[in-house]
Amino acid sequence: MRSNVTITNTTLADNFASEVGGAVYALSQDQSRISVMQIVNVNFTNNVANSTGGALEVRSKSPQAFESS
């Protein structure tokens, strides 16, 4: 099953996670699934995680590509 996630034109602010990914946490454990995450024109402000990924944490066994503009 393929999953796509798109977050656009928003602000993610003042979020807290006790472990990882204060605002967004994405996990893909299966390499055979091709997942696409697009984050476009999103403002991350004052997000906190106690471990890693204060604003964004992405964990995947598949290769990742990131682009910022």
N, C-alpha and C. Protein backbone atom coordinates (compact mmCIF):
# COMPACT_ATOMS: atom_id res chain seq x y z
N MET A 1 0.85 -1.18 0.00
CA MET A 1 0.00 0.00 0.00
C MET A 1 0.88 1.23 0.00
N ARG A 2 0.62 2.14 -0.88
CA ARG A 2 1.37 3.39 -0.98
C ARG A 2 0.65 4.47 -0.18
N SER A 3 1.43 5.27 0.52
CA SER A 3 0.82 6.36 1.27
C SER A 3 1.48 7.68 0.88
N ASN A 4 0.66 8.69 0.73
CA ASN A 4 1.13 10.04 0.43
C ASN A 4 0.63 10.98 1.51
N VAL A 5 1.52 11.87 1.92
CA VAL A 5 1.16 12.89 2.91
C VAL A 5 1.54 14.24 2.33
N THR A 6 0.62 15.18 2.37
CA THR A 6 0.89 16.54 1.92
C THR A 6 0.44 17.52 2.99
N ILE A 7 1.35 18.40 3.37
CA ILE A 7 1.04 19.48 4.31
C ILE A 7 1.37 20.77 3.60
N THR A 8 0.37 21.65 3.43
CA THR A 8 0.61 22.88 2.69
C THR A 8 0.00 24.09 3.38
N ASN A 9 0.64 25.23 3.17
CA ASN A 9 0.12 26.54 3.54
C ASN A 9 -0.43 26.59 4.96
N THR A 10 0.42 26.26 5.92
CA THR A 10 -0.03 26.28 7.31
C THR A 10 1.12 26.61 8.25
N THR A 11 0.81 26.81 9.49
CA THR A 11 1.79 26.99 10.55
C THR A 11 1.58 25.90 11.58
N LEU A 12 2.67 25.23 11.94
CA LEU A 12 2.64 24.25 13.02
C LEU A 12 3.44 24.86 14.17
N ALA A 13 2.74 25.27 15.20
CA ALA A 13 3.37 26.03 16.27
C ALA A 13 3.02 25.48 17.64
N ASP A 14 4.02 25.60 18.55
CA ASP A 14 3.83 25.31 19.97
C ASP A 14 3.41 23.87 20.24
N ASN A 15 3.98 22.93 19.49
CA ASN A 15 3.68 21.52 19.70
C ASN A 15 4.78 20.89 20.54
N PHE A 16 4.44 19.82 21.27
CA PHE A 16 5.39 19.14 22.15
C PHE A 16 5.24 17.63 22.02
N ALA A 17 6.38 16.93 21.96
CA ALA A 17 6.38 15.47 21.97
C ALA A 17 7.30 14.99 23.09
N SER A 18 6.85 14.03 23.87
CA SER A 18 7.67 13.52 24.96
C SER A 18 8.89 12.75 24.45
N GLU A 19 8.84 12.29 23.19
CA GLU A 19 9.99 11.60 22.62
C GLU A 19 10.47 12.25 21.33
N VAL A 20 9.83 11.97 20.18
CA VAL A 20 10.33 12.46 18.89
C VAL A 20 9.24 13.16 18.08
N GLY A 21 9.67 14.07 17.21
CA GLY A 21 8.74 14.71 16.27
C GLY A 21 7.73 15.62 16.92
N GLY A 22 8.18 16.76 17.40
CA GLY A 22 7.29 17.69 18.09
C GLY A 22 6.07 18.08 17.30
N ALA A 23 6.23 18.40 16.02
CA ALA A 23 5.08 18.80 15.19
C ALA A 23 4.65 17.67 14.26
N VAL A 24 5.61 16.98 13.62
CA VAL A 24 5.30 15.91 12.68
C VAL A 24 6.27 14.74 12.91
N TYR A 25 5.72 13.54 13.01
CA TYR A 25 6.54 12.33 13.10
C TYR A 25 6.06 11.36 12.04
N ALA A 26 6.95 11.01 11.10
CA ALA A 26 6.59 10.09 10.01
C ALA A 26 7.49 8.87 10.10
N LEU A 27 6.88 7.69 10.08
CA LEU A 27 7.61 6.43 10.20
C LEU A 27 7.18 5.48 9.10
N SER A 28 8.16 4.96 8.35
CA SER A 28 7.90 3.95 7.34
C SER A 28 8.83 2.79 7.61
N GLN A 29 8.29 1.63 7.94
CA GLN A 29 9.11 0.48 8.30
C GLN A 29 9.27 -0.53 7.17
N ASP A 30 8.64 -0.32 6.05
CA ASP A 30 8.64 -1.30 4.98
C ASP A 30 9.24 -0.70 3.71
N GLN A 31 10.40 -1.21 3.27
CA GLN A 31 11.06 -0.66 2.09
C GLN A 31 10.26 -0.84 0.81
N SER A 32 9.39 -1.82 0.76
CA SER A 32 8.64 -2.07 -0.47
C SER A 32 7.54 -1.04 -0.70
N ARG A 33 7.21 -0.30 0.33
CA ARG A 33 6.19 0.75 0.19
C ARG A 33 6.87 2.06 -0.20
N ILE A 34 6.39 2.65 -1.25
CA ILE A 34 6.92 3.94 -1.68
C ILE A 34 6.01 5.01 -1.11
N SER A 35 6.54 5.80 -0.22
CA SER A 35 5.75 6.85 0.41
C SER A 35 6.29 8.21 -0.02
N VAL A 36 5.40 9.14 -0.18
CA VAL A 36 5.77 10.50 -0.55
C VAL A 36 5.24 11.46 0.49
N MET A 37 6.12 12.31 1.00
CA MET A 37 5.72 13.36 1.92
C MET A 37 6.13 14.69 1.32
N GLN A 38 5.15 15.56 1.13
CA GLN A 38 5.41 16.90 0.62
C GLN A 38 5.03 17.90 1.71
N ILE A 39 5.96 18.78 2.01
CA ILE A 39 5.71 19.86 2.97
C ILE A 39 6.03 21.15 2.23
N VAL A 40 4.98 21.91 1.92
CA VAL A 40 5.12 23.08 1.07
C VAL A 40 4.56 24.30 1.79
N ASN A 41 5.38 25.34 1.89
CA ASN A 41 4.97 26.61 2.49
C ASN A 41 4.41 26.41 3.90
N VAL A 42 5.21 25.73 4.73
CA VAL A 42 4.82 25.45 6.11
C VAL A 42 5.81 26.13 7.05
N ASN A 43 5.28 26.83 8.02
CA ASN A 43 6.09 27.52 9.01
C ASN A 43 6.09 26.69 10.30
N PHE A 44 7.27 26.20 10.69
CA PHE A 44 7.43 25.47 11.96
C PHE A 44 7.95 26.45 13.00
N THR A 45 7.19 26.65 14.08
CA THR A 45 7.57 27.63 15.09
C THR A 45 7.41 27.05 16.49
N ASN A 46 8.50 27.11 17.26
CA ASN A 46 8.46 26.77 18.69
C ASN A 46 7.92 25.35 18.94
N ASN A 47 8.39 24.39 18.17
CA ASN A 47 8.03 22.98 18.38
C ASN A 47 9.17 22.30 19.13
N VAL A 48 8.83 21.40 20.05
CA VAL A 48 9.83 20.79 20.93
C VAL A 48 9.61 19.29 21.03
N ALA A 49 10.72 18.55 21.03
CA ALA A 49 10.69 17.11 21.32
C ALA A 49 11.80 16.81 22.32
N ASN A 50 11.53 15.96 23.28
CA ASN A 50 12.53 15.65 24.31
C ASN A 50 13.73 14.89 23.76
N SER A 51 13.57 14.18 22.65
CA SER A 51 14.68 13.40 22.12
C SER A 51 15.21 14.02 20.83
N THR A 52 14.55 13.75 19.69
CA THR A 52 15.01 14.28 18.40
C THR A 52 13.82 14.80 17.59
N GLY A 53 14.13 15.61 16.60
CA GLY A 53 13.09 16.09 15.69
C GLY A 53 12.14 17.08 16.33
N GLY A 54 12.66 18.18 16.81
CA GLY A 54 11.82 19.18 17.47
C GLY A 54 10.62 19.58 16.64
N ALA A 55 10.84 19.83 15.36
CA ALA A 55 9.72 20.17 14.46
C ALA A 55 9.30 18.98 13.62
N LEU A 56 10.28 18.24 13.09
CA LEU A 56 10.00 17.19 12.11
C LEU A 56 10.94 16.01 12.32
N GLU A 57 10.39 14.83 12.41
CA GLU A 57 11.18 13.60 12.51
C GLU A 57 10.67 12.64 11.43
N VAL A 58 11.57 12.21 10.54
CA VAL A 58 11.24 11.25 9.49
C VAL A 58 12.16 10.05 9.65
N ARG A 59 11.56 8.88 9.81
CA ARG A 59 12.33 7.64 9.92
C ARG A 59 11.84 6.68 8.85
N SER A 60 12.78 6.21 8.03
CA SER A 60 12.41 5.35 6.92
C SER A 60 13.56 4.43 6.55
N LYS A 61 13.26 3.23 6.12
CA LYS A 61 14.27 2.32 5.61
C LYS A 61 14.54 2.58 4.14
N SER A 62 13.70 3.38 3.50
CA SER A 62 13.86 3.72 2.09
C SER A 62 14.68 5.00 1.97
N PRO A 63 15.36 5.18 0.83
CA PRO A 63 16.10 6.43 0.61
C PRO A 63 15.18 7.65 0.67
N GLN A 64 15.72 8.75 1.16
CA GLN A 64 14.96 9.98 1.30
C GLN A 64 15.55 11.09 0.44
N ALA A 65 14.71 11.96 -0.04
CA ALA A 65 15.17 13.14 -0.75
C ALA A 65 14.48 14.36 -0.15
N PHE A 66 15.26 15.39 0.15
CA PHE A 66 14.70 16.60 0.74
C PHE A 66 15.07 17.79 -0.13
N GLU A 67 14.14 18.69 -0.27
CA GLU A 67 14.37 19.91 -1.03
C GLU A 67 13.72 21.06 -0.28
N SER A 68 14.45 22.13 -0.14
CA SER A 68 13.92 23.31 0.54
C SER A 68 13.98 24.49 -0.40
N SER A 69 12.93 25.29 -0.39
CA SER A 69 12.95 26.50 -1.22
C SER A 69 12.33 27.65 -0.48
